[in-house]
Amino acid sequence: GSEMCIRDSPTSGDFPRAAAGPAPLTLTYLGVAGWTVSDDHHAVAIDPYLSRPRLAPGVPIVPDEAAIAARIPAKLDLIVIGHSHVDHVLDAPAVARRTGASVMGSLSTANYARAAGLPAEQVIPIKGGEDYAFDGFSVRVLPGLHSALDDKHTMGAHELIPASGRPPTTMAQFAEGGTFNYLLRMGGRQLLVIGSANYIEREMEGLRPDIAIVAVGLRQEIYDYTCRLMRALGKPPLVLTNHFDAWTKPATEPLDPDTLADLEAFTAEVHACAPDTRVVVPRPFQPIRL
């Protein structure tokens, strides 16, 4: 159907299941572009950002340990970071310290993690194109692009968080550092994560994810964003929306009417070229069991 589902607690029977995927997966949306994914044996976090600091002149931006402790599982195997803007990377070192996970990301992300005190053995720097095997899951790193900010005039990839030994504390210091998307294979399923509303089409072609987590904010700047993606991915059975809420407000705050209308529009775009694809708008902190 073409309805947009905003679900309280989807049950496994509601969702398409890959024939080769006997293991249940639990996906939990953390707000912004943040997720945890678990097959009950292993767990990966994507862009976990829970602090949502109050932005004020002269006030340093630092992680909120209490906010992180309230929402992050006790154990994670890996944290993957799409790019090193504050609303993606801020909490990653603190989450890694708390859970024992390694942080995977750009040189910029790696510099921040080390400056924030994470030991080198917990930092995995990437360039794009890697396909890494871990115990019980694997991660393919897809070179990506940031969404088109400032009417397409902002190009941040050449700006890095430097290896200064001092963690960034202002918005400007949290430089993009290059953008990646990820293909996570876990529990017999393939999960594509697009954390900022842009992509390199040739990197998507031939991927056949069971689940695609797709950033929607600012996609209007990109030519035929939704249909090009659906075609490249072979019309995945399930799409979950990503990066649609206000990153400065509490994750649990109701979505404003413009955001709801944009999510409806995205759902219609998907169904125009992939009528059988299910589109679900996740609710923060409500596990989706697949």
C-alpha atoms as a PDB file:
ATOM      1  CA  GLY A   1       0.000   0.000   0.000  1.00  0.00           C
ATOM      2  CA  SER A   2       1.005   3.631  -0.232  1.00  0.00           C
ATOM      3  CA  GLU A   3       0.357   4.541   3.385  1.00  0.00           C
ATOM      4  CA  MET A   4       3.174   5.824   5.514  1.00  0.00           C
ATOM      5  CA  CYS A   5       3.490   3.759   8.663  1.00  0.00           C
ATOM      6  CA  ILE A   6       4.617   5.382  11.865  1.00  0.00           C
ATOM      7  CA  ARG A   7       4.565   2.406  14.157  1.00  0.00           C
ATOM      8  CA  ASP A   8       4.781   2.063  17.886  1.00  0.00           C
ATOM      9  CA  SER A   9       6.116  -1.463  17.993  1.00  0.00           C
ATOM     10  CA  PRO A  10       6.197  -3.294  14.682  1.00  0.00           C
ATOM     11  CA  THR A  11       6.045  -7.045  14.991  1.00  0.00           C
ATOM     12  CA  SER A  12       8.162  -9.382  12.931  1.00  0.00           C
ATOM     13  CA  GLY A  13       5.131 -10.640  11.017  1.00  0.00           C
ATOM     14  CA  ASP A  14       4.639  -7.218   9.457  1.00  0.00           C
ATOM     15  CA  PHE A  15       7.949  -7.184   7.640  1.00  0.00           C
ATOM     16  CA  PRO A  16       9.444  -8.990   4.668  1.00  0.00           C
ATOM     17  CA  ARG A  17      12.014 -11.538   5.741  1.00  0.00           C
ATOM     18  CA  ALA A  18      14.850 -12.681   3.508  1.00  0.00           C
ATOM     19  CA  ALA A  19      14.647 -16.433   2.917  1.00  0.00           C
ATOM     20  CA  ALA A  20      18.280 -16.850   3.963  1.00  0.00           C
ATOM     21  CA  GLY A  21      17.836 -14.808   7.119  1.00  0.00           C
ATOM     22  CA  PRO A  22      16.735 -16.963  10.042  1.00  0.00           C
ATOM     23  CA  ALA A  23      18.279 -14.737  12.716  1.00  0.00           C
ATOM     24  CA  PRO A  24      16.043 -12.006  14.079  1.00  0.00           C
ATOM     25  CA  LEU A  25      17.398  -8.480  13.823  1.00  0.00           C
ATOM     26  CA  THR A  26      16.519  -5.636  16.170  1.00  0.00           C
ATOM     27  CA  LEU A  27      16.905  -2.100  14.850  1.00  0.00           C
ATOM     28  CA  THR A  28      16.539   0.853  17.210  1.00  0.00           C
ATOM     29  CA  TYR A  29      16.437   4.420  15.945  1.00  0.00           C
ATOM     30  CA  LEU A  30      18.286   6.879  18.196  1.00  0.00           C
ATOM     31  CA  GLY A  31      17.212  10.048  16.383  1.00  0.00           C
ATOM     32  CA  VAL A  32      19.040  12.100  13.703  1.00  0.00           C
ATOM     33  CA  ALA A  33      21.091   9.449  11.814  1.00  0.00           C
ATOM     34  CA  GLY A  34      21.672   7.204  14.833  1.00  0.00           C
ATOM     35  CA  TRP A  35      20.837   3.488  15.039  1.00  0.00           C
ATOM     36  CA  THR A  36      21.719   0.304  16.831  1.00  0.00           C
ATOM     37  CA  VAL A  37      21.442  -3.026  15.007  1.00  0.00           C
ATOM     38  CA  SER A  38      21.660  -6.370  16.802  1.00  0.00           C
ATOM     39  CA  ASP A  39      21.149 -10.051  15.994  1.00  0.00           C
ATOM     40  CA  ASP A  40      21.111 -10.906  19.730  1.00  0.00           C
ATOM     41  CA  HIS A  41      24.777 -11.988  19.518  1.00  0.00           C
ATOM     42  CA  HIS A  42      26.461  -8.944  18.000  1.00  0.00           C
ATOM     43  CA  ALA A  43      25.554  -5.270  17.974  1.00  0.00           C
ATOM     44  CA  VAL A  44      26.623  -2.346  15.800  1.00  0.00           C
ATOM     45  CA  ALA A  45      25.832   1.343  16.311  1.00  0.00           C
ATOM     46  CA  ILE A  46      25.618   3.830  13.454  1.00  0.00           C
ATOM     47  CA  ASP A  47      26.200   7.552  14.153  1.00  0.00           C
ATOM     48  CA  PRO A  48      25.001   7.303  17.767  1.00  0.00           C
ATOM     49  CA  TYR A  49      24.218  10.883  18.806  1.00  0.00           C
ATOM     50  CA  LEU A  50      22.261  11.268  22.031  1.00  0.00           C
ATOM     51  CA  SER A  51      23.677  14.348  23.746  1.00  0.00           C
ATOM     52  CA  ARG A  52      21.891  17.005  21.658  1.00  0.00           C
ATOM     53  CA  PRO A  53      23.833  19.784  23.381  1.00  0.00           C
ATOM     54  CA  ARG A  54      22.354  23.223  23.912  1.00  0.00           C
ATOM     55  CA  LEU A  55      24.182  25.356  21.363  1.00  0.00           C
ATOM     56  CA  ALA A  56      25.139  28.720  22.830  1.00  0.00           C
ATOM     57  CA  PRO A  57      28.001  31.094  22.059  1.00  0.00           C
ATOM     58  CA  GLY A  58      31.063  30.357  24.165  1.00  0.00           C
ATOM     59  CA  VAL A  59      29.660  27.089  25.558  1.00  0.00           C
ATOM     60  CA  PRO A  60      31.882  24.150  24.541  1.00  0.00           C
ATOM     61  CA  ILE A  61      30.125  21.217  22.869  1.00  0.00           C
ATOM     62  CA  VAL A  62      30.780  18.077  24.900  1.00  0.00           C
ATOM     63  CA  PRO A  63      29.037  14.687  25.182  1.00  0.00           C
ATOM     64  CA  ASP A  64      26.311  14.248  27.786  1.00  0.00           C
ATOM     65  CA  GLU A  65      27.348  11.068  29.600  1.00  0.00           C
ATOM     66  CA  ALA A  66      23.961  10.695  31.313  1.00  0.00           C
ATOM     67  CA  ALA A  67      22.067  10.906  28.011  1.00  0.00           C
ATOM     68  CA  ILE A  68      24.399   8.287  26.519  1.00  0.00           C
ATOM     69  CA  ALA A  69      24.097   5.963  29.526  1.00  0.00           C
ATOM     70  CA  ALA A  70      20.304   6.143  29.380  1.00  0.00           C
ATOM     71  CA  ARG A  71      20.038   4.903  25.796  1.00  0.00           C
ATOM     72  CA  ILE A  72      23.109   2.898  24.737  1.00  0.00           C
ATOM     73  CA  PRO A  73      23.310  -0.875  25.298  1.00  0.00           C
ATOM     74  CA  ALA A  74      25.981  -2.140  27.680  1.00  0.00           C
ATOM     75  CA  LYS A  75      27.900  -3.880  24.879  1.00  0.00           C
ATOM     76  CA  LEU A  76      28.550  -2.957  21.264  1.00  0.00           C
ATOM     77  CA  ASP A  77      31.018  -4.557  18.868  1.00  0.00           C
ATOM     78  CA  LEU A  78      31.451  -1.666  16.438  1.00  0.00           C
ATOM     79  CA  ILE A  79      30.429   1.964  15.877  1.00  0.00           C
ATOM     80  CA  VAL A  80      30.432   3.183  12.266  1.00  0.00           C
ATOM     81  CA  ILE A  81      30.414   6.913  11.536  1.00  0.00           C
ATOM     82  CA  GLY A  82      29.135   8.404   8.273  1.00  0.00           C
ATOM     83  CA  HIS A  83      30.955  11.753   8.632  1.00  0.00           C
ATOM     84  CA  SER A  84      32.384  13.869  11.395  1.00  0.00           C
ATOM     85  CA  HIS A  85      29.804  16.634  11.817  1.00  0.00           C
ATOM     86  CA  VAL A  86      28.758  17.115  15.438  1.00  0.00           C
ATOM     87  CA  ASP A  87      25.338  15.424  15.077  1.00  0.00           C
ATOM     88  CA  HIS A  88      26.979  12.209  13.840  1.00  0.00           C
ATOM     89  CA  VAL A  89      30.307  11.867  15.651  1.00  0.00           C
ATOM     90  CA  LEU A  90      30.067  13.795  18.945  1.00  0.00           C
ATOM     91  CA  ASP A  91      29.189  10.847  21.187  1.00  0.00           C
ATOM     92  CA  ALA A  92      31.121   8.096  19.395  1.00  0.00           C
ATOM     93  CA  PRO A  93      34.233   8.081  21.639  1.00  0.00           C
ATOM     94  CA  ALA A  94      32.122   8.145  24.815  1.00  0.00           C
ATOM     95  CA  VAL A  95      29.913   5.337  23.476  1.00  0.00           C
ATOM     96  CA  ALA A  96      33.019   3.332  22.563  1.00  0.00           C
ATOM     97  CA  ARG A  97      34.486   3.771  26.044  1.00  0.00           C
ATOM     98  CA  ARG A  98      31.228   2.653  27.657  1.00  0.00           C
ATOM     99  CA  THR A  99      30.619  -0.390  25.414  1.00  0.00           C
ATOM    100  CA  GLY A 100      34.104  -1.575  24.413  1.00  0.00           C
ATOM    101  CA  ALA A 101      33.288  -1.015  20.714  1.00  0.00           C
ATOM    102  CA  SER A 102      35.747   0.149  18.095  1.00  0.00           C
ATOM    103  CA  VAL A 103      34.996   3.341  16.150  1.00  0.00           C
ATOM    104  CA  MET A 104      35.212   3.108  12.354  1.00  0.00           C
ATOM    105  CA  GLY A 105      35.282   6.289  10.276  1.00  0.00           C
ATOM    106  CA  SER A 106      37.275   8.800   8.270  1.00  0.00           C
ATOM    107  CA  LEU A 107      40.689  10.123   9.249  1.00  0.00           C
ATOM    108  CA  SER A 108      38.772  13.079  10.702  1.00  0.00           C
ATOM    109  CA  THR A 109      36.647  10.744  12.855  1.00  0.00           C
ATOM    110  CA  ALA A 110      39.757   8.788  13.867  1.00  0.00           C
ATOM    111  CA  ASN A 111      41.569  11.983  14.883  1.00  0.00           C
ATOM    112  CA  TYR A 112      38.620  13.013  17.054  1.00  0.00           C
ATOM    113  CA  ALA A 113      38.325   9.576  18.667  1.00  0.00           C
ATOM    114  CA  ARG A 114      42.023   9.537  19.575  1.00  0.00           C
ATOM    115  CA  ALA A 115      41.940  13.164  20.797  1.00  0.00           C
ATOM    116  CA  ALA A 116      38.971  12.226  22.995  1.00  0.00           C
ATOM    117  CA  GLY A 117      41.150   9.579  24.641  1.00  0.00           C
ATOM    118  CA  LEU A 118      40.170   6.410  22.804  1.00  0.00           C
ATOM    119  CA  PRO A 119      43.141   4.034  22.484  1.00  0.00           C
ATOM    120  CA  ALA A 120      44.425   3.399  18.963  1.00  0.00           C
ATOM    121  CA  GLU A 121      43.362  -0.264  19.091  1.00  0.00           C
ATOM    122  CA  GLN A 122      39.731   0.919  19.321  1.00  0.00           C
ATOM    123  CA  VAL A 123      39.996   3.170  16.236  1.00  0.00           C
ATOM    124  CA  ILE A 124      39.564   1.862  12.659  1.00  0.00           C
ATOM    125  CA  PRO A 125      40.315   4.570  10.060  1.00  0.00           C
ATOM    126  CA  ILE A 126      38.820   4.045   6.576  1.00  0.00           C
ATOM    127  CA  LYS A 127      39.147   5.644   3.136  1.00  0.00           C
ATOM    128  CA  GLY A 128      36.115   4.116   1.364  1.00  0.00           C
ATOM    129  CA  GLY A 129      35.908   0.842  -0.553  1.00  0.00           C
ATOM    130  CA  GLU A 130      36.927  -1.411   2.329  1.00  0.00           C
ATOM    131  CA  ASP A 131      34.943  -4.607   2.968  1.00  0.00           C
ATOM    132  CA  TYR A 132      35.784  -5.837   6.438  1.00  0.00           C
ATOM    133  CA  ALA A 133      34.912  -9.137   8.124  1.00  0.00           C
ATOM    134  CA  PHE A 134      34.224  -9.082  11.866  1.00  0.00           C
ATOM    135  CA  ASP A 135      33.175 -11.853  14.209  1.00  0.00           C
ATOM    136  CA  GLY A 136      29.586 -12.622  13.183  1.00  0.00           C
ATOM    137  CA  PHE A 137      29.013  -9.732  10.740  1.00  0.00           C
ATOM    138  CA  SER A 138      30.717  -7.717   7.994  1.00  0.00           C
ATOM    139  CA  VAL A 139      30.801  -4.091   6.850  1.00  0.00           C
ATOM    140  CA  ARG A 140      31.363  -2.780   3.335  1.00  0.00           C
ATOM    141  CA  VAL A 141      32.357   0.901   3.225  1.00  0.00           C
ATOM    142  CA  LEU A 142      30.762   2.804   0.341  1.00  0.00           C
ATOM    143  CA  PRO A 143      32.285   6.158  -0.700  1.00  0.00           C
ATOM    144  CA  GLY A 144      29.512   8.730  -0.316  1.00  0.00           C
ATOM    145  CA  LEU A 145      28.579  12.398  -0.448  1.00  0.00           C
ATOM    146  CA  HIS A 146      27.155  14.769   2.126  1.00  0.00           C
ATOM    147  CA  SER A 147      23.726  16.285   1.537  1.00  0.00           C
ATOM    148  CA  ALA A 148      23.799  19.547  -0.424  1.00  0.00           C
ATOM    149  CA  LEU A 149      23.967  22.214   2.279  1.00  0.00           C
ATOM    150  CA  ASP A 150      23.576  25.962   1.774  1.00  0.00           C
ATOM    151  CA  ASP A 151      21.956  25.704  -1.691  1.00  0.00           C
ATOM    152  CA  LYS A 152      24.753  23.357  -2.802  1.00  0.00           C
ATOM    153  CA  HIS A 153      27.494  25.842  -1.824  1.00  0.00           C
ATOM    154  CA  THR A 154      29.032  23.957   1.107  1.00  0.00           C
ATOM    155  CA  MET A 155      31.648  21.342   0.287  1.00  0.00           C
ATOM    156  CA  GLY A 156      33.157  20.178   3.524  1.00  0.00           C
ATOM    157  CA  ALA A 157      35.042  17.002   2.676  1.00  0.00           C
ATOM    158  CA  HIS A 158      38.432  18.701   2.413  1.00  0.00           C
ATOM    159  CA  GLU A 159      38.074  20.003   5.969  1.00  0.00           C
ATOM    160  CA  LEU A 160      39.345  17.659   8.676  1.00  0.00           C
ATOM    161  CA  ILE A 161      39.309  17.453  12.417  1.00  0.00           C
ATOM    162  CA  PRO A 162      43.115  17.717  12.779  1.00  0.00           C
ATOM    163  CA  ALA A 163      45.328  15.320  14.731  1.00  0.00           C
ATOM    164  CA  SER A 164      45.991  18.042  17.314  1.00  0.00           C
ATOM    165  CA  GLY A 165      45.359  15.917  20.383  1.00  0.00           C
ATOM    166  CA  ARG A 166      42.605  18.348  21.424  1.00  0.00           C
ATOM    167  CA  PRO A 167      39.016  17.329  20.692  1.00  0.00           C
ATOM    168  CA  PRO A 168      36.835  19.871  18.857  1.00  0.00           C
ATOM    169  CA  THR A 169      34.402  21.885  20.983  1.00  0.00           C
ATOM    170  CA  THR A 170      32.644  24.136  18.428  1.00  0.00           C
ATOM    171  CA  MET A 171      30.343  23.443  15.475  1.00  0.00           C
ATOM    172  CA  ALA A 172      32.949  24.715  13.003  1.00  0.00           C
ATOM    173  CA  GLN A 173      35.655  22.444  14.447  1.00  0.00           C
ATOM    174  CA  PHE A 174      33.490  19.355  13.820  1.00  0.00           C
ATOM    175  CA  ALA A 175      34.423  19.284  10.120  1.00  0.00           C
ATOM    176  CA  GLU A 176      32.731  16.876   7.690  1.00  0.00           C
ATOM    177  CA  GLY A 177      35.943  15.025   6.877  1.00  0.00           C
ATOM    178  CA  GLY A 178      34.419  13.039   3.995  1.00  0.00           C
ATOM    179  CA  THR A 179      31.210  10.988   3.942  1.00  0.00           C
ATOM    180  CA  PHE A 180      30.602   7.235   3.805  1.00  0.00           C
ATOM    181  CA  ASN A 181      27.592   4.977   3.518  1.00  0.00           C
ATOM    182  CA  TYR A 182      27.674   1.417   4.826  1.00  0.00           C
ATOM    183  CA  LEU A 183      26.426  -2.032   3.876  1.00  0.00           C
ATOM    184  CA  LEU A 184      26.098  -4.099   7.055  1.00  0.00           C
ATOM    185  CA  ARG A 185      25.630  -7.861   6.712  1.00  0.00           C
ATOM    186  CA  MET A 186      24.294  -9.464   9.872  1.00  0.00           C
ATOM    187  CA  GLY A 187      21.976 -12.343  10.740  1.00  0.00           C
ATOM    188  CA  GLY A 188      21.587 -13.384   7.103  1.00  0.00           C
ATOM    189  CA  ARG A 189      20.365  -9.916   6.109  1.00  0.00           C
ATOM    190  CA  GLN A 190      21.941  -6.991   4.301  1.00  0.00           C
ATOM    191  CA  LEU A 191      21.302  -3.509   5.638  1.00  0.00           C
ATOM    192  CA  LEU A 192      22.259  -0.379   3.674  1.00  0.00           C
ATOM    193  CA  VAL A 193      22.743   2.818   5.683  1.00  0.00           C
ATOM    194  CA  ILE A 194      22.699   6.242   4.005  1.00  0.00           C
ATOM    195  CA  GLY A 195      23.291   8.809   6.745  1.00  0.00           C
ATOM    196  CA  SER A 196      23.166  12.043   4.729  1.00  0.00           C
ATOM    197  CA  ALA A 197      20.815  12.678   1.806  1.00  0.00           C
ATOM    198  CA  ASN A 198      23.188  12.106  -1.087  1.00  0.00           C
ATOM    199  CA  TYR A 199      25.011   9.153  -2.634  1.00  0.00           C
ATOM    200  CA  ILE A 200      27.230   8.126  -5.541  1.00  0.00           C
ATOM    201  CA  GLU A 201      24.917   6.150  -7.816  1.00  0.00           C
ATOM    202  CA  ARG A 202      27.579   3.765  -9.132  1.00  0.00           C
ATOM    203  CA  GLU A 203      28.400   2.757  -5.527  1.00  0.00           C
ATOM    204  CA  MET A 204      24.736   1.757  -5.050  1.00  0.00           C
ATOM    205  CA  GLU A 205      24.277  -0.167  -8.304  1.00  0.00           C
ATOM    206  CA  GLY A 206      24.008  -3.898  -7.821  1.00  0.00           C
ATOM    207  CA  LEU A 207      23.538  -3.745  -4.055  1.00  0.00           C
ATOM    208  CA  ARG A 208      20.477  -5.755  -3.013  1.00  0.00           C
ATOM    209  CA  PRO A 209      19.803  -4.837   0.609  1.00  0.00           C
ATOM    210  CA  ASP A 210      16.894  -6.386   2.495  1.00  0.00           C
ATOM    211  CA  ILE A 211      16.592  -3.130   4.430  1.00  0.00           C
ATOM    212  CA  ALA A 212      17.631   0.363   3.299  1.00  0.00           C
ATOM    213  CA  ILE A 213      17.954   3.118   5.914  1.00  0.00           C
ATOM    214  CA  VAL A 214      17.720   6.286   3.827  1.00  0.00           C
ATOM    215  CA  ALA A 215      18.374   9.911   4.838  1.00  0.00           C
ATOM    216  CA  VAL A 216      15.629  12.195   3.559  1.00  0.00           C
ATOM    217  CA  GLY A 217      16.513  15.754   4.676  1.00  0.00           C
ATOM    218  CA  LEU A 218      17.532  18.076   1.800  1.00  0.00           C
ATOM    219  CA  ARG A 219      17.087  15.327  -0.817  1.00  0.00           C
ATOM    220  CA  GLN A 220      15.243  17.897  -3.002  1.00  0.00           C
ATOM    221  CA  GLU A 221      18.662  19.328  -3.943  1.00  0.00           C
ATOM    222  CA  ILE A 222      19.576  16.022  -5.635  1.00  0.00           C
ATOM    223  CA  TYR A 223      18.330  14.987  -9.076  1.00  0.00           C
ATOM    224  CA  ASP A 224      15.668  12.232  -8.829  1.00  0.00           C
ATOM    225  CA  TYR A 225      17.096  11.200  -5.456  1.00  0.00           C
ATOM    226  CA  THR A 226      14.529   8.608  -4.462  1.00  0.00           C
ATOM    227  CA  CYS A 227      13.756   6.805  -7.726  1.00  0.00           C
ATOM    228  CA  ARG A 228      17.388   6.618  -8.836  1.00  0.00           C
ATOM    229  CA  LEU A 229      18.196   5.017  -5.499  1.00  0.00           C
ATOM    230  CA  MET A 230      15.303   2.538  -5.590  1.00  0.00           C
ATOM    231  CA  ARG A 231      16.256   1.420  -9.104  1.00  0.00           C
ATOM    232  CA  ALA A 232      19.961   1.084  -8.256  1.00  0.00           C
ATOM    233  CA  LEU A 233      19.104  -1.054  -5.208  1.00  0.00           C
ATOM    234  CA  GLY A 234      16.632  -3.307  -7.036  1.00  0.00           C
ATOM    235  CA  LYS A 235      13.656  -1.932  -5.085  1.00  0.00           C
ATOM    236  CA  PRO A 236      14.417  -3.146  -1.556  1.00  0.00           C
ATOM    237  CA  PRO A 237      11.559  -4.752   0.416  1.00  0.00           C
ATOM    238  CA  LEU A 238      11.850  -2.318   3.326  1.00  0.00           C
ATOM    239  CA  VAL A 239      12.932   1.330   3.578  1.00  0.00           C
ATOM    240  CA  LEU A 240      13.355   3.066   6.940  1.00  0.00           C
ATOM    241  CA  THR A 241      13.611   6.858   6.941  1.00  0.00           C
ATOM    242  CA  ASN A 242      16.706   8.463   8.441  1.00  0.00           C
ATOM    243  CA  HIS A 243      17.973  11.960   9.389  1.00  0.00           C
ATOM    244  CA  PHE A 244      14.576  13.673   9.344  1.00  0.00           C
ATOM    245  CA  ASP A 245      14.168  15.099  12.853  1.00  0.00           C
ATOM    246  CA  ALA A 246      15.557  18.340  14.293  1.00  0.00           C
ATOM    247  CA  TRP A 247      19.034  17.496  15.590  1.00  0.00           C
ATOM    248  CA  THR A 248      18.961  20.253  18.226  1.00  0.00           C
ATOM    249  CA  LYS A 249      15.655  19.266  19.849  1.00  0.00           C
ATOM    250  CA  PRO A 250      14.917  16.257  22.099  1.00  0.00           C
ATOM    251  CA  ALA A 251      14.557  13.062  20.060  1.00  0.00           C
ATOM    252  CA  THR A 252      11.180  12.326  21.612  1.00  0.00           C
ATOM    253  CA  GLU A 253       9.673  15.702  20.677  1.00  0.00           C
ATOM    254  CA  PRO A 254       6.787  15.333  18.173  1.00  0.00           C
ATOM    255  CA  LEU A 255       7.672  15.990  14.551  1.00  0.00           C
ATOM    256  CA  ASP A 256       6.527  19.318  13.154  1.00  0.00           C
ATOM    257  CA  PRO A 257       3.948  19.458  10.308  1.00  0.00           C
ATOM    258  CA  ASP A 258       6.559  20.307   7.651  1.00  0.00           C
ATOM    259  CA  THR A 259       8.652  17.273   8.584  1.00  0.00           C
ATOM    260  CA  LEU A 260       5.594  14.995   8.551  1.00  0.00           C
ATOM    261  CA  ALA A 261       4.614  16.357   5.122  1.00  0.00           C
ATOM    262  CA  ASP A 262       8.148  15.751   3.824  1.00  0.00           C
ATOM    263  CA  LEU A 263       8.081  12.155   5.105  1.00  0.00           C
ATOM    264  CA  GLU A 264       4.728  11.650   3.332  1.00  0.00           C
ATOM    265  CA  ALA A 265       6.272  13.052   0.153  1.00  0.00           C
ATOM    266  CA  PHE A 266       9.283  10.720   0.421  1.00  0.00           C
ATOM    267  CA  THR A 267       6.971   7.734   0.946  1.00  0.00           C
ATOM    268  CA  ALA A 268       5.042   8.700  -2.199  1.00  0.00           C
ATOM    269  CA  GLU A 269       8.316   9.035  -4.146  1.00  0.00           C
ATOM    270  CA  VAL A 270       9.352   5.519  -3.126  1.00  0.00           C
ATOM    271  CA  HIS A 271       5.982   4.018  -4.059  1.00  0.00           C
ATOM    272  CA  ALA A 272       5.978   5.797  -7.426  1.00  0.00           C
ATOM    273  CA  CYS A 273       8.914   3.680  -8.585  1.00  0.00           C
ATOM    274  CA  ALA A 274       8.920   0.785  -6.089  1.00  0.00           C
ATOM    275  CA  PRO A 275       5.234   0.101  -5.333  1.00  0.00           C
ATOM    276  CA  ASP A 276       5.947  -3.052  -3.312  1.00  0.00           C
ATOM    277  CA  THR A 277       8.531  -1.405  -1.040  1.00  0.00           C
ATOM    278  CA  ARG A 278       7.363  -0.847   2.523  1.00  0.00           C
ATOM    279  CA  VAL A 279       8.316   2.567   3.970  1.00  0.00           C
ATOM    280  CA  VAL A 280       8.430   2.922   7.744  1.00  0.00           C
ATOM    281  CA  VAL A 281       9.160   6.054   9.756  1.00  0.00           C
ATOM    282  CA  PRO A 282      10.864   4.824  12.941  1.00  0.00           C
ATOM    283  CA  ARG A 283      10.091   6.201  16.367  1.00  0.00           C
ATOM    284  CA  PRO A 284      13.081   6.984  18.562  1.00  0.00           C
ATOM    285  CA  PHE A 285      14.086   4.278  21.045  1.00  0.00           C
ATOM    286  CA  GLN A 286      11.272   1.881  20.004  1.00  0.00           C
ATOM    287  CA  PRO A 287      12.916  -1.348  18.836  1.00  0.00           C
ATOM    288  CA  ILE A 288      11.884  -2.708  15.448  1.00  0.00           C
ATOM    289  CA  ARG A 289      12.166  -6.497  15.387  1.00  0.00           C
ATOM    290  CA  LEU A 290      12.662  -7.983  11.929  1.00  0.00           C
END
